[in-house]
Amino acid sequence: MQIHDAAFLASNTRLDACPPPTLPEYAFIGRSNVGKSSLINMLTGQKALAKTSSTPGKTQLINHFLINKNWYLVDLPGYGYAKVSKVARAQWGKMINFYLRNRENLTCLFVLLDSRLPPQAVDLEFMEMLGTQGIPFAMVFTKADKQSATRTRQLIDAYLEKMSAIWDELPRHFVTSAESKEGREELLGFIGEINQQLAETPENS
């Protein structure tokens, strides 16, 4: 799939203020400083679509973008960042959880994970919560250009082994780099396949 058009639509804190749930929606989330904005910009081919910052925790709203005029890309606030107040973390958590549980057109949540790190408890707990609530998601390992491919594979295998202890079937995973554009074709192809399947279902035909 090629992205020909990507436009910012709206930023919200309330689900009822988000764009109408009439198109497939793919949301991106991860711990602060995981490279989410850079990955979104790489995928869309626009250098400043999602705002990047050297300050973790910059994204504080539910940000909607319209892609190719036929699906939504959503940039969600990061989780697990300790240098914001407990009140702010609680507000973000409530907003994110309500969105994940109630956004009826959420097709897949991409959980971003730093490929340079061993399995992190906060990430494992978050994904376990997604599984418990039946929220479809895929794992996206970021910053693969920052180390050798062998080391990246070792750490990803460690993640998958850790998850195998509680998951009967592991979620799909992708390896990406915003710098080298690794994983771009695979990730967009995955979204394109799902969109095609949705378009072919009887209720959408």
C-alpha atoms as a PDB file:
ATOM      1  CA  MET A   1       0.000   0.000   0.000  1.00  0.00           C
ATOM      2  CA  GLN A   2       1.153   3.509  -0.849  1.00  0.00           C
ATOM      3  CA  ILE A   3       0.179   6.578   1.155  1.00  0.00           C
ATOM      4  CA  HIS A   4      -0.786   9.370  -1.216  1.00  0.00           C
ATOM      5  CA  ASP A   5      -2.534  11.678   1.215  1.00  0.00           C
ATOM      6  CA  ALA A   6      -2.158  12.217   4.962  1.00  0.00           C
ATOM      7  CA  ALA A   7      -3.900  15.030   6.787  1.00  0.00           C
ATOM      8  CA  PHE A   8      -4.323  16.005  10.424  1.00  0.00           C
ATOM      9  CA  LEU A   9      -7.983  16.015  11.477  1.00  0.00           C
ATOM     10  CA  ALA A  10      -8.342  16.684  15.183  1.00  0.00           C
ATOM     11  CA  SER A  11      -6.956  16.364  18.714  1.00  0.00           C
ATOM     12  CA  ASN A  12      -9.307  15.370  21.513  1.00  0.00           C
ATOM     13  CA  THR A  13      -9.519  14.173  25.083  1.00  0.00           C
ATOM     14  CA  ARG A  14     -13.085  12.856  24.704  1.00  0.00           C
ATOM     15  CA  LEU A  15     -14.190   9.907  22.620  1.00  0.00           C
ATOM     16  CA  ASP A  16     -17.447  11.567  21.627  1.00  0.00           C
ATOM     17  CA  ALA A  17     -15.484  14.432  20.041  1.00  0.00           C
ATOM     18  CA  CYS A  18     -13.383  12.151  17.833  1.00  0.00           C
ATOM     19  CA  PRO A  19     -14.116  11.889  14.077  1.00  0.00           C
ATOM     20  CA  PRO A  20     -17.145   9.749  13.174  1.00  0.00           C
ATOM     21  CA  PRO A  21     -16.298   6.020  13.471  1.00  0.00           C
ATOM     22  CA  THR A  22     -17.044   5.355   9.817  1.00  0.00           C
ATOM     23  CA  LEU A  23     -13.565   4.265   8.653  1.00  0.00           C
ATOM     24  CA  PRO A  24     -11.074   1.615   9.801  1.00  0.00           C
ATOM     25  CA  GLU A  25      -8.847   3.009  12.546  1.00  0.00           C
ATOM     26  CA  TYR A  26      -5.254   2.059  13.409  1.00  0.00           C
ATOM     27  CA  ALA A  27      -3.808   3.503  16.607  1.00  0.00           C
ATOM     28  CA  PHE A  28      -0.177   3.730  17.727  1.00  0.00           C
ATOM     29  CA  ILE A  29       0.864   3.648  21.364  1.00  0.00           C
ATOM     30  CA  GLY A  30       3.982   2.957  23.409  1.00  0.00           C
ATOM     31  CA  ARG A  31       6.069   4.092  26.311  1.00  0.00           C
ATOM     32  CA  SER A  32       7.312   7.656  26.031  1.00  0.00           C
ATOM     33  CA  ASN A  33      10.487   8.088  23.973  1.00  0.00           C
ATOM     34  CA  VAL A  34       9.925   4.857  22.033  1.00  0.00           C
ATOM     35  CA  GLY A  35      10.033   6.767  18.731  1.00  0.00           C
ATOM     36  CA  LYS A  36       6.311   6.840  17.993  1.00  0.00           C
ATOM     37  CA  SER A  37       6.154  10.208  16.224  1.00  0.00           C
ATOM     38  CA  SER A  38       9.210   9.410  14.113  1.00  0.00           C
ATOM     39  CA  LEU A  39       7.682   6.081  13.081  1.00  0.00           C
ATOM     40  CA  ILE A  40       4.371   7.708  12.116  1.00  0.00           C
ATOM     41  CA  ASN A  41       6.200  10.308  10.035  1.00  0.00           C
ATOM     42  CA  MET A  42       8.229   7.580   8.342  1.00  0.00           C
ATOM     43  CA  LEU A  43       5.133   5.531   7.523  1.00  0.00           C
ATOM     44  CA  THR A  44       3.248   8.490   6.063  1.00  0.00           C
ATOM     45  CA  GLY A  45       6.240   9.958   4.267  1.00  0.00           C
ATOM     46  CA  GLN A  46       5.773  13.329   5.950  1.00  0.00           C
ATOM     47  CA  LYS A  47       8.538  14.741   8.120  1.00  0.00           C
ATOM     48  CA  ALA A  48       6.309  16.676  10.501  1.00  0.00           C
ATOM     49  CA  LEU A  49       2.870  15.060  10.448  1.00  0.00           C
ATOM     50  CA  ALA A  50       3.267  13.854  14.029  1.00  0.00           C
ATOM     51  CA  LYS A  51       5.082  16.275  16.300  1.00  0.00           C
ATOM     52  CA  THR A  52       8.404  14.941  17.549  1.00  0.00           C
ATOM     53  CA  SER A  53      10.072  16.236  20.671  1.00  0.00           C
ATOM     54  CA  SER A  54      13.161  15.615  22.775  1.00  0.00           C
ATOM     55  CA  THR A  55      10.863  15.816  25.798  1.00  0.00           C
ATOM     56  CA  PRO A  56       9.133  12.465  26.497  1.00  0.00           C
ATOM     57  CA  GLY A  57       5.414  12.661  27.157  1.00  0.00           C
ATOM     58  CA  LYS A  58       4.784  15.391  24.571  1.00  0.00           C
ATOM     59  CA  THR A  59       1.697  13.699  23.127  1.00  0.00           C
ATOM     60  CA  GLN A  60      -1.162  14.318  25.563  1.00  0.00           C
ATOM     61  CA  LEU A  61      -4.183  14.045  23.283  1.00  0.00           C
ATOM     62  CA  ILE A  62      -5.875  11.563  20.963  1.00  0.00           C
ATOM     63  CA  ASN A  63      -4.615  12.776  17.572  1.00  0.00           C
ATOM     64  CA  HIS A  64      -6.479  11.683  14.429  1.00  0.00           C
ATOM     65  CA  PHE A  65      -5.055  11.727  10.896  1.00  0.00           C
ATOM     66  CA  LEU A  66      -6.956  10.825   7.718  1.00  0.00           C
ATOM     67  CA  ILE A  67      -4.891   8.596   5.424  1.00  0.00           C
ATOM     68  CA  ASN A  68      -5.702   8.201   1.712  1.00  0.00           C
ATOM     69  CA  LYS A  69      -9.182   9.465   2.607  1.00  0.00           C
ATOM     70  CA  ASN A  70     -10.170   5.925   3.595  1.00  0.00           C
ATOM     71  CA  TRP A  71      -8.657   5.108   7.020  1.00  0.00           C
ATOM     72  CA  TYR A  72      -7.675   6.806  10.254  1.00  0.00           C
ATOM     73  CA  LEU A  73      -4.264   6.784  11.869  1.00  0.00           C
ATOM     74  CA  VAL A  74      -4.323   7.685  15.568  1.00  0.00           C
ATOM     75  CA  ASP A  75      -1.394   8.916  17.664  1.00  0.00           C
ATOM     76  CA  LEU A  76      -2.110   8.112  21.318  1.00  0.00           C
ATOM     77  CA  PRO A  77      -0.343   9.453  24.442  1.00  0.00           C
ATOM     78  CA  GLY A  78       2.515   7.353  25.746  1.00  0.00           C
ATOM     79  CA  TYR A  79       2.260   5.294  28.911  1.00  0.00           C
ATOM     80  CA  GLY A  80       4.655   4.464  31.725  1.00  0.00           C
ATOM     81  CA  TYR A  81       6.349   7.872  31.842  1.00  0.00           C
ATOM     82  CA  ALA A  82       7.227   8.765  35.416  1.00  0.00           C
ATOM     83  CA  LYS A  83       8.176  12.453  35.058  1.00  0.00           C
ATOM     84  CA  VAL A  84       4.624  13.731  34.842  1.00  0.00           C
ATOM     85  CA  SER A  85       2.337  14.154  37.824  1.00  0.00           C
ATOM     86  CA  LYS A  86       0.303  11.259  39.164  1.00  0.00           C
ATOM     87  CA  VAL A  87      -2.834  13.227  38.311  1.00  0.00           C
ATOM     88  CA  ALA A  88      -1.726  13.618  34.684  1.00  0.00           C
ATOM     89  CA  ARG A  89      -0.812   9.926  34.414  1.00  0.00           C
ATOM     90  CA  ALA A  90      -4.199   8.961  35.840  1.00  0.00           C
ATOM     91  CA  GLN A  91      -6.000  11.259  33.390  1.00  0.00           C
ATOM     92  CA  TRP A  92      -4.054   9.895  30.419  1.00  0.00           C
ATOM     93  CA  GLY A  93      -4.669   6.338  31.545  1.00  0.00           C
ATOM     94  CA  LYS A  94      -8.391   6.894  31.914  1.00  0.00           C
ATOM     95  CA  MET A  95      -8.604   8.595  28.514  1.00  0.00           C
ATOM     96  CA  ILE A  96      -6.597   5.877  26.744  1.00  0.00           C
ATOM     97  CA  ASN A  97      -8.463   2.986  28.379  1.00  0.00           C
ATOM     98  CA  PHE A  98     -11.844   4.488  27.579  1.00  0.00           C
ATOM     99  CA  TYR A  99     -10.799   4.993  23.960  1.00  0.00           C
ATOM    100  CA  LEU A 100      -9.464   1.442  23.615  1.00  0.00           C
ATOM    101  CA  ARG A 101     -12.568  -0.149  25.133  1.00  0.00           C
ATOM    102  CA  ASN A 102     -15.164   1.930  23.349  1.00  0.00           C
ATOM    103  CA  ARG A 103     -13.849   3.068  19.947  1.00  0.00           C
ATOM    104  CA  GLU A 104     -15.989   0.806  17.795  1.00  0.00           C
ATOM    105  CA  ASN A 105     -13.965   1.208  14.579  1.00  0.00           C
ATOM    106  CA  LEU A 106     -10.562   0.529  16.190  1.00  0.00           C
ATOM    107  CA  THR A 107      -9.223  -2.138  13.858  1.00  0.00           C
ATOM    108  CA  CYS A 108      -5.751  -2.681  15.289  1.00  0.00           C
ATOM    109  CA  LEU A 109      -3.600  -1.137  17.994  1.00  0.00           C
ATOM    110  CA  PHE A 110       0.126  -1.053  17.255  1.00  0.00           C
ATOM    111  CA  VAL A 111       2.099  -1.348  20.494  1.00  0.00           C
ATOM    112  CA  LEU A 112       5.559   0.141  20.008  1.00  0.00           C
ATOM    113  CA  LEU A 113       8.494  -1.461  21.821  1.00  0.00           C
ATOM    114  CA  ASP A 114      12.133  -0.325  21.874  1.00  0.00           C
ATOM    115  CA  SER A 115      14.075  -3.126  20.165  1.00  0.00           C
ATOM    116  CA  ARG A 116      17.200  -2.263  22.186  1.00  0.00           C
ATOM    117  CA  LEU A 117      15.628  -3.220  25.505  1.00  0.00           C
ATOM    118  CA  PRO A 118      14.849  -6.575  27.122  1.00  0.00           C
ATOM    119  CA  PRO A 119      11.183  -7.280  27.926  1.00  0.00           C
ATOM    120  CA  GLN A 120       9.793  -4.479  30.095  1.00  0.00           C
ATOM    121  CA  ALA A 121       7.201  -5.251  32.765  1.00  0.00           C
ATOM    122  CA  VAL A 122       5.057  -2.216  31.904  1.00  0.00           C
ATOM    123  CA  ASP A 123       4.836  -3.314  28.247  1.00  0.00           C
ATOM    124  CA  LEU A 124       4.070  -6.929  29.102  1.00  0.00           C
ATOM    125  CA  GLU A 125       1.357  -5.858  31.551  1.00  0.00           C
ATOM    126  CA  PHE A 126      -0.170  -3.468  29.019  1.00  0.00           C
ATOM    127  CA  MET A 127      -0.332  -6.158  26.321  1.00  0.00           C
ATOM    128  CA  GLU A 128      -1.777  -8.665  28.777  1.00  0.00           C
ATOM    129  CA  MET A 129      -4.523  -6.129  29.535  1.00  0.00           C
ATOM    130  CA  LEU A 130      -5.230  -5.799  25.816  1.00  0.00           C
ATOM    131  CA  GLY A 131      -5.566  -9.545  25.498  1.00  0.00           C
ATOM    132  CA  THR A 132      -7.862  -9.745  28.511  1.00  0.00           C
ATOM    133  CA  GLN A 133     -10.140  -7.090  27.037  1.00  0.00           C
ATOM    134  CA  GLY A 134     -10.061  -8.580  23.540  1.00  0.00           C
ATOM    135  CA  ILE A 135      -8.465  -5.533  21.906  1.00  0.00           C
ATOM    136  CA  PRO A 136      -6.684  -6.531  18.648  1.00  0.00           C
ATOM    137  CA  PHE A 137      -3.048  -5.464  18.565  1.00  0.00           C
ATOM    138  CA  ALA A 138       0.317  -6.047  16.946  1.00  0.00           C
ATOM    139  CA  MET A 139       3.811  -5.487  18.316  1.00  0.00           C
ATOM    140  CA  VAL A 140       6.085  -2.986  16.554  1.00  0.00           C
ATOM    141  CA  PHE A 141       9.748  -3.031  17.545  1.00  0.00           C
ATOM    142  CA  THR A 142      11.371   0.361  16.892  1.00  0.00           C
ATOM    143  CA  LYS A 143      14.917   1.745  16.466  1.00  0.00           C
ATOM    144  CA  ALA A 144      16.289  -1.420  14.850  1.00  0.00           C
ATOM    145  CA  ASP A 145      19.039   0.638  13.193  1.00  0.00           C
ATOM    146  CA  LYS A 146      20.608   1.466  16.563  1.00  0.00           C
ATOM    147  CA  GLN A 147      22.236  -1.955  17.007  1.00  0.00           C
ATOM    148  CA  SER A 148      23.167  -5.090  15.079  1.00  0.00           C
ATOM    149  CA  ALA A 149      20.468  -7.221  13.495  1.00  0.00           C
ATOM    150  CA  THR A 150      21.692 -10.145  15.615  1.00  0.00           C
ATOM    151  CA  ARG A 151      21.205  -8.229  18.856  1.00  0.00           C
ATOM    152  CA  THR A 152      17.766  -7.033  17.737  1.00  0.00           C
ATOM    153  CA  ARG A 153      16.729 -10.602  16.978  1.00  0.00           C
ATOM    154  CA  GLN A 154      17.974 -11.811  20.357  1.00  0.00           C
ATOM    155  CA  LEU A 155      15.940  -9.216  22.254  1.00  0.00           C
ATOM    156  CA  ILE A 156      12.805  -9.785  20.166  1.00  0.00           C
ATOM    157  CA  ASP A 157      13.108 -13.540  20.743  1.00  0.00           C
ATOM    158  CA  ALA A 158      13.346 -12.812  24.467  1.00  0.00           C
ATOM    159  CA  TYR A 159      10.085 -10.843  24.258  1.00  0.00           C
ATOM    160  CA  LEU A 160       8.313 -13.605  22.356  1.00  0.00           C
ATOM    161  CA  GLU A 161       9.589 -16.268  24.762  1.00  0.00           C
ATOM    162  CA  LYS A 162       8.372 -14.238  27.723  1.00  0.00           C
ATOM    163  CA  MET A 163       4.940 -13.785  26.158  1.00  0.00           C
ATOM    164  CA  SER A 164       4.656 -17.457  25.218  1.00  0.00           C
ATOM    165  CA  ALA A 165       4.293 -18.222  28.913  1.00  0.00           C
ATOM    166  CA  ILE A 166       0.800 -16.683  28.980  1.00  0.00           C
ATOM    167  CA  TRP A 167      -0.258 -16.426  25.314  1.00  0.00           C
ATOM    168  CA  ASP A 168      -1.574 -19.413  23.358  1.00  0.00           C
ATOM    169  CA  GLU A 169      -1.073 -17.520  20.106  1.00  0.00           C
ATOM    170  CA  LEU A 170       1.406 -14.676  19.846  1.00  0.00           C
ATOM    171  CA  PRO A 171       0.359 -11.397  18.206  1.00  0.00           C
ATOM    172  CA  ARG A 172       1.874 -10.343  14.893  1.00  0.00           C
ATOM    173  CA  HIS A 173       5.134  -8.432  15.233  1.00  0.00           C
ATOM    174  CA  PHE A 174       7.136  -6.074  13.024  1.00  0.00           C
ATOM    175  CA  VAL A 175      10.710  -4.776  13.146  1.00  0.00           C
ATOM    176  CA  THR A 176      11.085  -1.126  12.152  1.00  0.00           C
ATOM    177  CA  SER A 177      13.463   1.796  11.895  1.00  0.00           C
ATOM    178  CA  ALA A 178      12.378   5.368  11.282  1.00  0.00           C
ATOM    179  CA  GLU A 179      15.883   6.137   9.998  1.00  0.00           C
ATOM    180  CA  SER A 180      16.330   3.329   7.478  1.00  0.00           C
ATOM    181  CA  LYS A 181      12.586   2.840   6.797  1.00  0.00           C
ATOM    182  CA  GLU A 182      12.905  -0.830   7.679  1.00  0.00           C
ATOM    183  CA  GLY A 183       9.491  -2.408   8.173  1.00  0.00           C
ATOM    184  CA  ARG A 184       7.582   0.331   6.344  1.00  0.00           C
ATOM    185  CA  GLU A 185       6.447  -1.875   3.475  1.00  0.00           C
ATOM    186  CA  GLU A 186       5.493  -4.729   5.800  1.00  0.00           C
ATOM    187  CA  LEU A 187       3.511  -2.553   8.201  1.00  0.00           C
ATOM    188  CA  LEU A 188       1.628  -0.680   5.494  1.00  0.00           C
ATOM    189  CA  GLY A 189       1.026  -3.942   3.659  1.00  0.00           C
ATOM    190  CA  PHE A 190      -0.529  -5.394   6.814  1.00  0.00           C
ATOM    191  CA  ILE A 191      -2.867  -2.390   7.113  1.00  0.00           C
ATOM    192  CA  GLY A 192      -3.720  -2.613   3.418  1.00  0.00           C
ATOM    193  CA  GLU A 193      -4.595  -6.311   3.706  1.00  0.00           C
ATOM    194  CA  ILE A 194      -6.941  -5.674   6.615  1.00  0.00           C
ATOM    195  CA  ASN A 195      -8.604  -2.767   4.825  1.00  0.00           C
ATOM    196  CA  GLN A 196      -9.122  -4.964   1.773  1.00  0.00           C
ATOM    197  CA  GLN A 197     -10.675  -7.713   3.895  1.00  0.00           C
ATOM    198  CA  LEU A 198     -13.005  -5.202   5.537  1.00  0.00           C
ATOM    199  CA  ALA A 199     -14.041  -3.819   2.153  1.00  0.00           C
ATOM    200  CA  GLU A 200     -14.927  -7.310   0.965  1.00  0.00           C
ATOM    201  CA  THR A 201     -17.146  -8.207   3.929  1.00  0.00           C
ATOM    202  CA  PRO A 202     -20.899  -8.301   3.119  1.00  0.00           C
ATOM    203  CA  GLU A 203     -21.840  -5.399   5.398  1.00  0.00           C
ATOM    204  CA  ASN A 204     -19.348  -3.154   3.576  1.00  0.00           C
ATOM    205  CA  SER A 205     -20.067  -4.312   0.045  1.00  0.00           C
END
